[in-house]
Amino acid sequence: NTQKQGGVVEIHRCGQALCGRVVDGAPLRANPDQ
């Protein structure tokens, strides 16, 4: 959970490192095509 607007970032492997992508948030629930 991020600090803002109910955001959620998923941290995952990307090659030999770690990366993170947006998977949820209040604005995205209102408009998934944001």
Full PDB file with SEQRES, HELIX, SHEET, SSBOND, CRYST1, ORIGX, SCALE, CONECT and MASTER records, all heavy atoms in Angstrom:
SEQRES   1 A   34  ASN THR GLN LYS GLN GLY GLY VAL VAL GLU ILE HIS ARG          
SEQRES   2 A   34  CYS GLY GLN ALA LEU CYS GLY ARG VAL VAL ASP GLY ALA          
SEQRES   3 A   34  PRO LEU ARG ALA ASN PRO ASP GLN                              
HELIX    1 AA1 ALA A   26  ALA A   30  1                                   5    
SHEET    1 AA1 2 VAL A   8  CYS A  14  0                                        
SHEET    2 AA1 2 ALA A  17  ASP A  24 -1                                        
SSBOND   1 CYS A   14    CYS A   19                          1555   1555  1.86  
CRYST1    1.000    1.000    1.000  90.00  90.00  90.00 P 1           1          
ORIGX1      1.000000  0.000000  0.000000        0.00000                         
ORIGX2      0.000000  1.000000  0.000000        0.00000                         
ORIGX3      0.000000  0.000000  1.000000        0.00000                         
SCALE1      1.000000  0.000000  0.000000        0.00000                         
SCALE2      0.000000  1.000000  0.000000        0.00000                         
SCALE3      0.000000  0.000000  1.000000        0.00000                         
ATOM      1  N   ASN A   1       0.860  -1.187   0.000  1.00  0.00           N  
ATOM      2  CA  ASN A   1       0.000   0.000   0.000  1.00  0.00           C  
ATOM      3  C   ASN A   1       0.889   1.226   0.000  1.00  0.00           C  
ATOM      4  O   ASN A   1       1.772   1.361   0.847  1.00  0.00           O  
ATOM      5  CB  ASN A   1      -0.871   0.036   1.261  1.00  0.00           C  
ATOM      6  CG  ASN A   1      -1.873  -1.080   1.297  1.00  0.00           C  
ATOM      7  OD1 ASN A   1      -2.653  -1.265   0.383  1.00  0.00           O  
ATOM      8  ND2 ASN A   1      -1.855  -1.851   2.380  1.00  0.00           N  
ATOM      9  N   THR A   2       0.635   2.144  -0.927  1.00  0.00           N  
ATOM     10  CA  THR A   2       1.386   3.395  -0.960  1.00  0.00           C  
ATOM     11  C   THR A   2       0.717   4.388  -0.013  1.00  0.00           C  
ATOM     12  O   THR A   2      -0.309   4.095   0.578  1.00  0.00           O  
ATOM     13  CB  THR A   2       1.432   3.976  -2.389  1.00  0.00           C  
ATOM     14  OG1 THR A   2       0.123   4.383  -2.763  1.00  0.00           O  
ATOM     15  CG2 THR A   2       1.975   2.959  -3.378  1.00  0.00           C  
ATOM     16  N   GLN A   3       1.275   5.563   0.119  1.00  0.00           N  
ATOM     17  CA  GLN A   3       0.727   6.576   1.030  1.00  0.00           C  
ATOM     18  C   GLN A   3      -0.456   7.321   0.453  1.00  0.00           C  
ATOM     19  O   GLN A   3      -1.173   7.989   1.182  1.00  0.00           O  
ATOM     20  CB  GLN A   3       1.817   7.599   1.382  1.00  0.00           C  
ATOM     21  CG  GLN A   3       2.783   7.124   2.412  1.00  0.00           C  
ATOM     22  CD  GLN A   3       3.745   8.217   2.818  1.00  0.00           C  
ATOM     23  OE1 GLN A   3       4.887   7.942   3.014  1.00  0.00           O  
ATOM     24  NE2 GLN A   3       3.320   9.451   2.951  1.00  0.00           N  
ATOM     25  N   LYS A   4      -0.652   7.273  -0.859  1.00  0.00           N  
ATOM     26  CA  LYS A   4      -1.634   8.156  -1.485  1.00  0.00           C  
ATOM     27  C   LYS A   4      -2.760   7.397  -2.170  1.00  0.00           C  
ATOM     28  O   LYS A   4      -2.528   6.394  -2.849  1.00  0.00           O  
ATOM     29  CB  LYS A   4      -0.946   9.030  -2.521  1.00  0.00           C  
ATOM     30  CG  LYS A   4       0.117   9.945  -1.952  1.00  0.00           C  
ATOM     31  CD  LYS A   4       0.742  10.739  -3.076  1.00  0.00           C  
ATOM     32  CE  LYS A   4       1.873  11.605  -2.596  1.00  0.00           C  
ATOM     33  NZ  LYS A   4       2.499  12.313  -3.704  1.00  0.00           N  
ATOM     34  N   GLN A   5      -3.965   7.875  -2.020  1.00  0.00           N  
ATOM     35  CA  GLN A   5      -5.156   7.474  -2.759  1.00  0.00           C  
ATOM     36  C   GLN A   5      -5.372   5.966  -2.842  1.00  0.00           C  
ATOM     37  O   GLN A   5      -5.824   5.454  -3.856  1.00  0.00           O  
ATOM     38  CB  GLN A   5      -5.124   8.077  -4.163  1.00  0.00           C  
ATOM     39  CG  GLN A   5      -5.151   9.588  -4.130  1.00  0.00           C  
ATOM     40  CD  GLN A   5      -5.439  10.172  -5.492  1.00  0.00           C  
ATOM     41  OE1 GLN A   5      -6.147   9.584  -6.296  1.00  0.00           O  
ATOM     42  NE2 GLN A   5      -4.906  11.345  -5.746  1.00  0.00           N  
ATOM     43  N   GLY A   6      -5.051   5.257  -1.776  1.00  0.00           N  
ATOM     44  CA  GLY A   6      -5.291   3.816  -1.754  1.00  0.00           C  
ATOM     45  C   GLY A   6      -4.491   3.055  -2.787  1.00  0.00           C  
ATOM     46  O   GLY A   6      -4.888   1.973  -3.215  1.00  0.00           O  
ATOM     47  N   GLY A   7      -3.370   3.594  -3.189  1.00  0.00           N  
ATOM     48  CA  GLY A   7      -2.544   2.960  -4.211  1.00  0.00           C  
ATOM     49  C   GLY A   7      -1.921   1.664  -3.738  1.00  0.00           C  
ATOM     50  O   GLY A   7      -1.617   1.498  -2.557  1.00  0.00           O  
ATOM     51  N   VAL A   8      -1.744   0.731  -4.674  1.00  0.00           N  
ATOM     52  CA  VAL A   8      -1.064  -0.531  -4.392  1.00  0.00           C  
ATOM     53  C   VAL A   8      -0.048  -0.766  -5.506  1.00  0.00           C  
ATOM     54  O   VAL A   8      -0.379  -0.704  -6.695  1.00  0.00           O  
ATOM     55  CB  VAL A   8      -2.050  -1.716  -4.319  1.00  0.00           C  
ATOM     56  CG1 VAL A   8      -1.299  -3.031  -4.092  1.00  0.00           C  
ATOM     57  CG2 VAL A   8      -3.079  -1.495  -3.221  1.00  0.00           C  
ATOM     58  N   VAL A   9       1.191  -1.043  -5.095  1.00  0.00           N  
ATOM     59  CA  VAL A   9       2.274  -1.372  -6.025  1.00  0.00           C  
ATOM     60  C   VAL A   9       2.694  -2.804  -5.739  1.00  0.00           C  
ATOM     61  O   VAL A   9       2.893  -3.185  -4.589  1.00  0.00           O  
ATOM     62  CB  VAL A   9       3.472  -0.409  -5.858  1.00  0.00           C  
ATOM     63  CG1 VAL A   9       4.678  -0.887  -6.653  1.00  0.00           C  
ATOM     64  CG2 VAL A   9       3.083   0.997  -6.290  1.00  0.00           C  
ATOM     65  N   GLU A  10       2.821  -3.582  -6.801  1.00  0.00           N  
ATOM     66  CA  GLU A  10       3.292  -4.956  -6.669  1.00  0.00           C  
ATOM     67  C   GLU A  10       4.766  -5.004  -7.028  1.00  0.00           C  
ATOM     68  O   GLU A  10       5.146  -4.636  -8.151  1.00  0.00           O  
ATOM     69  CB  GLU A  10       2.503  -5.878  -7.591  1.00  0.00           C  
ATOM     70  CG  GLU A  10       2.945  -7.330  -7.491  1.00  0.00           C  
ATOM     71  CD  GLU A  10       2.118  -8.201  -8.389  1.00  0.00           C  
ATOM     72  OE1 GLU A  10       2.214  -8.030  -9.629  1.00  0.00           O  
ATOM     73  OE2 GLU A  10       1.374  -9.028  -7.863  1.00  0.00           O  
ATOM     74  N   ILE A  11       5.591  -5.432  -6.078  1.00  0.00           N  
ATOM     75  CA  ILE A  11       7.024  -5.594  -6.330  1.00  0.00           C  
ATOM     76  C   ILE A  11       7.251  -7.030  -6.781  1.00  0.00           C  
ATOM     77  O   ILE A  11       6.748  -7.971  -6.171  1.00  0.00           O  
ATOM     78  CB  ILE A  11       7.854  -5.236  -5.080  1.00  0.00           C  
ATOM     79  CG1 ILE A  11       7.664  -3.746  -4.744  1.00  0.00           C  
ATOM     80  CG2 ILE A  11       9.330  -5.566  -5.303  1.00  0.00           C  
ATOM     81  CD1 ILE A  11       8.404  -3.271  -3.511  1.00  0.00           C  
ATOM     82  N   HIS A  12       8.005  -7.173  -7.883  1.00  0.00           N  
ATOM     83  CA  HIS A  12       8.211  -8.484  -8.499  1.00  0.00           C  
ATOM     84  C   HIS A  12       9.619  -8.559  -9.085  1.00  0.00           C  
ATOM     85  O   HIS A  12      10.304  -7.540  -9.222  1.00  0.00           O  
ATOM     86  CB  HIS A  12       7.158  -8.712  -9.597  1.00  0.00           C  
ATOM     87  CG  HIS A  12       7.170  -7.629 -10.638  1.00  0.00           C  
ATOM     88  ND1 HIS A  12       7.921  -7.706 -11.783  1.00  0.00           N  
ATOM     89  CD2 HIS A  12       6.547  -6.423 -10.682  1.00  0.00           C  
ATOM     90  CE1 HIS A  12       7.749  -6.612 -12.501  1.00  0.00           C  
ATOM     91  NE2 HIS A  12       6.920  -5.814 -11.854  1.00  0.00           N  
ATOM     92  N   ARG A  13      10.035  -9.761  -9.431  1.00  0.00           N  
ATOM     93  CA  ARG A  13      11.329  -9.932 -10.099  1.00  0.00           C  
ATOM     94  C   ARG A  13      11.228  -9.441 -11.538  1.00  0.00           C  
ATOM     95  O   ARG A  13      10.217  -9.660 -12.203  1.00  0.00           O  
ATOM     96  CB  ARG A  13      11.714 -11.406 -10.116  1.00  0.00           C  
ATOM     97  CG  ARG A  13      12.232 -11.904  -8.820  1.00  0.00           C  
ATOM     98  CD  ARG A  13      12.784 -13.325  -8.987  1.00  0.00           C  
ATOM     99  NE  ARG A  13      13.133 -13.843  -7.689  1.00  0.00           N  
ATOM    100  CZ  ARG A  13      12.301 -14.475  -6.890  1.00  0.00           C  
ATOM    101  NH1 ARG A  13      11.065 -14.696  -7.275  1.00  0.00           N  
ATOM    102  NH2 ARG A  13      12.686 -14.902  -5.709  1.00  0.00           N  
ATOM    103  N   CYS A  14      12.298  -8.815 -12.000  1.00  0.00           N  
ATOM    104  CA  CYS A  14      12.424  -8.454 -13.414  1.00  0.00           C  
ATOM    105  C   CYS A  14      13.886  -8.701 -13.782  1.00  0.00           C  
ATOM    106  O   CYS A  14      14.746  -7.892 -13.490  1.00  0.00           O  
ATOM    107  CB  CYS A  14      11.966  -7.023 -13.689  1.00  0.00           C  
ATOM    108  SG  CYS A  14      12.812  -5.746 -12.756  1.00  0.00           S  
ATOM    109  N   GLY A  15      14.142  -9.848 -14.342  1.00  0.00           N  
ATOM    110  CA  GLY A  15      15.518 -10.243 -14.610  1.00  0.00           C  
ATOM    111  C   GLY A  15      16.244 -10.514 -13.312  1.00  0.00           C  
ATOM    112  O   GLY A  15      15.730 -11.216 -12.440  1.00  0.00           O  
ATOM    113  N   GLN A  16      17.400  -9.913 -13.136  1.00  0.00           N  
ATOM    114  CA  GLN A  16      18.203 -10.106 -11.929  1.00  0.00           C  
ATOM    115  C   GLN A  16      17.878  -9.097 -10.833  1.00  0.00           C  
ATOM    116  O   GLN A  16      18.529  -9.066  -9.807  1.00  0.00           O  
ATOM    117  CB  GLN A  16      19.693 -10.007 -12.273  1.00  0.00           C  
ATOM    118  CG  GLN A  16      20.164 -11.057 -13.249  1.00  0.00           C  
ATOM    119  CD  GLN A  16      20.043 -12.460 -12.672  1.00  0.00           C  
ATOM    120  OE1 GLN A  16      20.388 -12.705 -11.529  1.00  0.00           O  
ATOM    121  NE2 GLN A  16      19.513 -13.380 -13.467  1.00  0.00           N  
ATOM    122  N   ALA A  17      16.876  -8.259 -11.065  1.00  0.00           N  
ATOM    123  CA  ALA A  17      16.554  -7.176 -10.126  1.00  0.00           C  
ATOM    124  C   ALA A  17      15.085  -7.255  -9.715  1.00  0.00           C  
ATOM    125  O   ALA A  17      14.379  -8.198 -10.060  1.00  0.00           O  
ATOM    126  CB  ALA A  17      16.840  -5.833 -10.795  1.00  0.00           C  
ATOM    127  N   LEU A  18      14.656  -6.256  -8.968  1.00  0.00           N  
ATOM    128  CA  LEU A  18      13.264  -6.122  -8.567  1.00  0.00           C  
ATOM    129  C   LEU A  18      12.672  -4.869  -9.202  1.00  0.00           C  
ATOM    130  O   LEU A  18      13.357  -3.858  -9.347  1.00  0.00           O  
ATOM    131  CB  LEU A  18      13.143  -6.018  -7.046  1.00  0.00           C  
ATOM    132  CG  LEU A  18      13.554  -7.251  -6.256  1.00  0.00           C  
ATOM    133  CD1 LEU A  18      13.472  -6.967  -4.762  1.00  0.00           C  
ATOM    134  CD2 LEU A  18      12.699  -8.450  -6.604  1.00  0.00           C  
ATOM    135  N   CYS A  19      11.406  -4.969  -9.568  1.00  0.00           N  
ATOM    136  CA  CYS A  19      10.681  -3.847 -10.150  1.00  0.00           C  
ATOM    137  C   CYS A  19       9.327  -3.757  -9.465  1.00  0.00           C  
ATOM    138  O   CYS A  19       8.939  -4.666  -8.727  1.00  0.00           O  
ATOM    139  CB  CYS A  19      10.479  -4.060 -11.652  1.00  0.00           C  
ATOM    140  SG  CYS A  19      12.019  -4.070 -12.592  1.00  0.00           S  
ATOM    141  N   GLY A  20       8.609  -2.675  -9.700  1.00  0.00           N  
ATOM    142  CA  GLY A  20       7.282  -2.523  -9.125  1.00  0.00           C  
ATOM    143  C   GLY A  20       6.332  -1.909 -10.130  1.00  0.00           C  
ATOM    144  O   GLY A  20       6.727  -1.049 -10.923  1.00  0.00           O  
ATOM    145  N   ARG A  21       5.073  -2.369 -10.091  1.00  0.00           N  
ATOM    146  CA  ARG A  21       4.064  -1.847 -11.013  1.00  0.00           C  
ATOM    147  C   ARG A  21       2.786  -1.527 -10.249  1.00  0.00           C  
ATOM    148  O   ARG A  21       2.479  -2.163  -9.235  1.00  0.00           O  
ATOM    149  CB  ARG A  21       3.795  -2.825 -12.144  1.00  0.00           C  
ATOM    150  CG  ARG A  21       3.186  -4.114 -11.671  1.00  0.00           C  
ATOM    151  CD  ARG A  21       2.862  -5.052 -12.831  1.00  0.00           C  
ATOM    152  NE  ARG A  21       2.585  -6.370 -12.295  1.00  0.00           N  
ATOM    153  CZ  ARG A  21       3.252  -7.456 -12.573  1.00  0.00           C  
ATOM    154  NH1 ARG A  21       4.249  -7.400 -13.415  1.00  0.00           N  
ATOM    155  NH2 ARG A  21       2.932  -8.605 -12.024  1.00  0.00           N  
ATOM    156  N   VAL A  22       2.038  -0.569 -10.749  1.00  0.00           N  
ATOM    157  CA  VAL A  22       0.770  -0.158 -10.152  1.00  0.00           C  
ATOM    158  C   VAL A  22      -0.266  -1.248 -10.422  1.00  0.00           C  
ATOM    159  O   VAL A  22      -0.451  -1.660 -11.566  1.00  0.00           O  
ATOM    160  CB  VAL A  22       0.285   1.183 -10.752  1.00  0.00           C  
ATOM    161  CG1 VAL A  22      -1.084   1.548 -10.218  1.00  0.00           C  
ATOM    162  CG2 VAL A  22       1.299   2.287 -10.484  1.00  0.00           C  
ATOM    163  N   VAL A  23      -0.945  -1.706  -9.351  1.00  0.00           N  
ATOM    164  CA  VAL A  23      -1.986  -2.724  -9.521  1.00  0.00           C  
ATOM    165  C   VAL A  23      -3.343  -2.292  -8.965  1.00  0.00           C  
ATOM    166  O   VAL A  23      -4.342  -2.957  -9.218  1.00  0.00           O  
ATOM    167  CB  VAL A  23      -1.573  -4.086  -8.917  1.00  0.00           C  
ATOM    168  CG1 VAL A  23      -0.384  -4.660  -9.669  1.00  0.00           C  
ATOM    169  CG2 VAL A  23      -1.284  -3.976  -7.434  1.00  0.00           C  
ATOM    170  N   ASP A  24      -3.398  -1.185  -8.212  1.00  0.00           N  
ATOM    171  CA  ASP A  24      -4.678  -0.732  -7.665  1.00  0.00           C  
ATOM    172  C   ASP A  24      -4.540   0.697  -7.163  1.00  0.00           C  
ATOM    173  O   ASP A  24      -3.448   1.213  -6.988  1.00  0.00           O  
ATOM    174  CB  ASP A  24      -5.115  -1.642  -6.520  1.00  0.00           C  
ATOM    175  CG  ASP A  24      -6.588  -1.475  -6.155  1.00  0.00           C  
ATOM    176  OD1 ASP A  24      -7.337  -0.840  -6.924  1.00  0.00           O  
ATOM    177  OD2 ASP A  24      -6.992  -1.977  -5.092  1.00  0.00           O  
ATOM    178  N   GLY A  25      -5.681   1.319  -6.917  1.00  0.00           N  
ATOM    179  CA  GLY A  25      -5.747   2.670  -6.376  1.00  0.00           C  
ATOM    180  C   GLY A  25      -7.154   3.201  -6.529  1.00  0.00           C  
ATOM    181  O   GLY A  25      -7.893   2.773  -7.430  1.00  0.00           O  
ATOM    182  N   ALA A  26      -7.552   4.114  -5.667  1.00  0.00           N  
ATOM    183  CA  ALA A  26      -8.902   4.670  -5.724  1.00  0.00           C  
ATOM    184  C   ALA A  26      -9.218   5.260  -7.101  1.00  0.00           C  
ATOM    185  O   ALA A  26     -10.281   4.984  -7.655  1.00  0.00           O  
ATOM    186  CB  ALA A  26      -9.092   5.703  -4.616  1.00  0.00           C  
ATOM    187  N   PRO A  27      -8.332   6.055  -7.703  1.00  0.00           N  
ATOM    188  CA  PRO A  27      -8.644   6.588  -9.030  1.00  0.00           C  
ATOM    189  C   PRO A  27      -8.803   5.491 -10.086  1.00  0.00           C  
ATOM    190  O   PRO A  27      -9.603   5.618 -11.005  1.00  0.00           O  
ATOM    191  CB  PRO A  27      -7.444   7.480  -9.358  1.00  0.00           C  
ATOM    192  CG  PRO A  27      -6.841   7.821  -8.040  1.00  0.00           C  
ATOM    193  CD  PRO A  27      -7.088   6.626  -7.173  1.00  0.00           C  
ATOM    194  N   LEU A  28      -8.060   4.392  -9.925  1.00  0.00           N  
ATOM    195  CA  LEU A  28      -8.154   3.291 -10.890  1.00  0.00           C  
ATOM    196  C   LEU A  28      -9.445   2.501 -10.721  1.00  0.00           C  
ATOM    197  O   LEU A  28      -9.974   1.969 -11.694  1.00  0.00           O  
ATOM    198  CB  LEU A  28      -6.955   2.357 -10.754  1.00  0.00           C  
ATOM    199  CG  LEU A  28      -5.634   2.942 -11.226  1.00  0.00           C  
ATOM    200  CD1 LEU A  28      -4.486   2.022 -10.872  1.00  0.00           C  
ATOM    201  CD2 LEU A  28      -5.676   3.198 -12.718  1.00  0.00           C  
ATOM    202  N   ARG A  29      -9.946   2.427  -9.502  1.00  0.00           N  
ATOM    203  CA  ARG A  29     -11.239   1.756  -9.302  1.00  0.00           C  
ATOM    204  C   ARG A  29     -12.359   2.585  -9.926  1.00  0.00           C  
ATOM    205  O   ARG A  29     -13.318   2.029 -10.445  1.00  0.00           O  
ATOM    206  CB  ARG A  29     -11.481   1.508  -7.815  1.00  0.00           C  
ATOM    207  CG  ARG A  29     -10.574   0.392  -7.261  1.00  0.00           C  
ATOM    208  CD  ARG A  29     -10.934  -0.004  -5.851  1.00  0.00           C  
ATOM    209  NE  ARG A  29     -10.687   1.023  -4.861  1.00  0.00           N  
ATOM    210  CZ  ARG A  29      -9.507   1.275  -4.296  1.00  0.00           C  
ATOM    211  NH1 ARG A  29      -8.448   0.564  -4.641  1.00  0.00           N  
ATOM    212  NH2 ARG A  29      -9.372   2.225  -3.403  1.00  0.00           N  
ATOM    213  N   ALA A  30     -12.206   3.903  -9.902  1.00  0.00           N  
ATOM    214  CA  ALA A  30     -13.205   4.787 -10.521  1.00  0.00           C  
ATOM    215  C   ALA A  30     -13.062   4.786 -12.045  1.00  0.00           C  
ATOM    216  O   ALA A  30     -14.058   4.872 -12.757  1.00  0.00           O  
ATOM    217  CB  ALA A  30     -13.056   6.209  -9.981  1.00  0.00           C  
ATOM    218  N   ASN A  31     -11.824   4.691 -12.536  1.00  0.00           N  
ATOM    219  CA  ASN A  31     -11.566   4.713 -13.976  1.00  0.00           C  
ATOM    220  C   ASN A  31     -10.388   3.779 -14.278  1.00  0.00           C  
ATOM    221  O   ASN A  31      -9.238   4.214 -14.288  1.00  0.00           O  
ATOM    222  CB  ASN A  31     -11.245   6.132 -14.442  1.00  0.00           C  
ATOM    223  CG  ASN A  31     -10.867   6.188 -15.907  1.00  0.00           C  
ATOM    224  OD1 ASN A  31     -11.072   5.245 -16.659  1.00  0.00           O  
ATOM    225  ND2 ASN A  31     -10.290   7.304 -16.321  1.00  0.00           N  
ATOM    226  N   PRO A  32     -10.665   2.488 -14.530  1.00  0.00           N  
ATOM    227  CA  PRO A  32      -9.583   1.527 -14.785  1.00  0.00           C  
ATOM    228  C   PRO A  32      -8.731   1.871 -16.010  1.00  0.00           C  
ATOM    229  O   PRO A  32      -7.619   1.387 -16.143  1.00  0.00           O  
ATOM    230  CB  PRO A  32     -10.311   0.202 -15.004  1.00  0.00           C  
ATOM    231  CG  PRO A  32     -11.666   0.398 -14.421  1.00  0.00           C  
ATOM    232  CD  PRO A  32     -11.968   1.860 -14.517  1.00  0.00           C  
ATOM    233  N   ASP A  33      -9.243   2.709 -16.881  1.00  0.00           N  
ATOM    234  CA  ASP A  33      -8.519   3.089 -18.094  1.00  0.00           C  
ATOM    235  C   ASP A  33      -7.744   4.402 -17.914  1.00  0.00           C  
ATOM    236  O   ASP A  33      -7.338   5.033 -18.893  1.00  0.00           O  
ATOM    237  CB  ASP A  33      -9.506   3.216 -19.265  1.00  0.00           C  
ATOM    238  CG  ASP A  33      -8.790   3.167 -20.603  1.00  0.00           C  
ATOM    239  OD1 ASP A  33      -7.857   2.359 -20.752  1.00  0.00           O  
ATOM    240  OD2 ASP A  33      -9.168   3.960 -21.488  1.00  0.00           O  
ATOM    241  N   GLN A  34      -7.519   4.811 -16.687  1.00  0.00           N  
ATOM    242  CA  GLN A  34      -6.817   6.066 -16.401  1.00  0.00           C  
ATOM    243  C   GLN A  34      -5.465   6.099 -17.116  1.00  0.00           C  
ATOM    244  O   GLN A  34      -4.745   5.107 -17.156  1.00  0.00           O  
ATOM    245  CB  GLN A  34      -6.624   6.212 -14.895  1.00  0.00           C  
ATOM    246  CG  GLN A  34      -5.897   7.477 -14.501  1.00  0.00           C  
ATOM    247  CD  GLN A  34      -5.672   7.553 -12.989  1.00  0.00           C  
ATOM    248  OE1 GLN A  34      -6.095   6.704 -12.237  1.00  0.00           O  
ATOM    249  NE2 GLN A  34      -4.993   8.583 -12.571  1.00  0.00           N  
TER     250      GLN A  34                                                      
CONECT  108  140                                                                
CONECT  140  108                                                                
MASTER        0    0    0    1    2    0    0    6  249    1    2    3          
END                                                                             
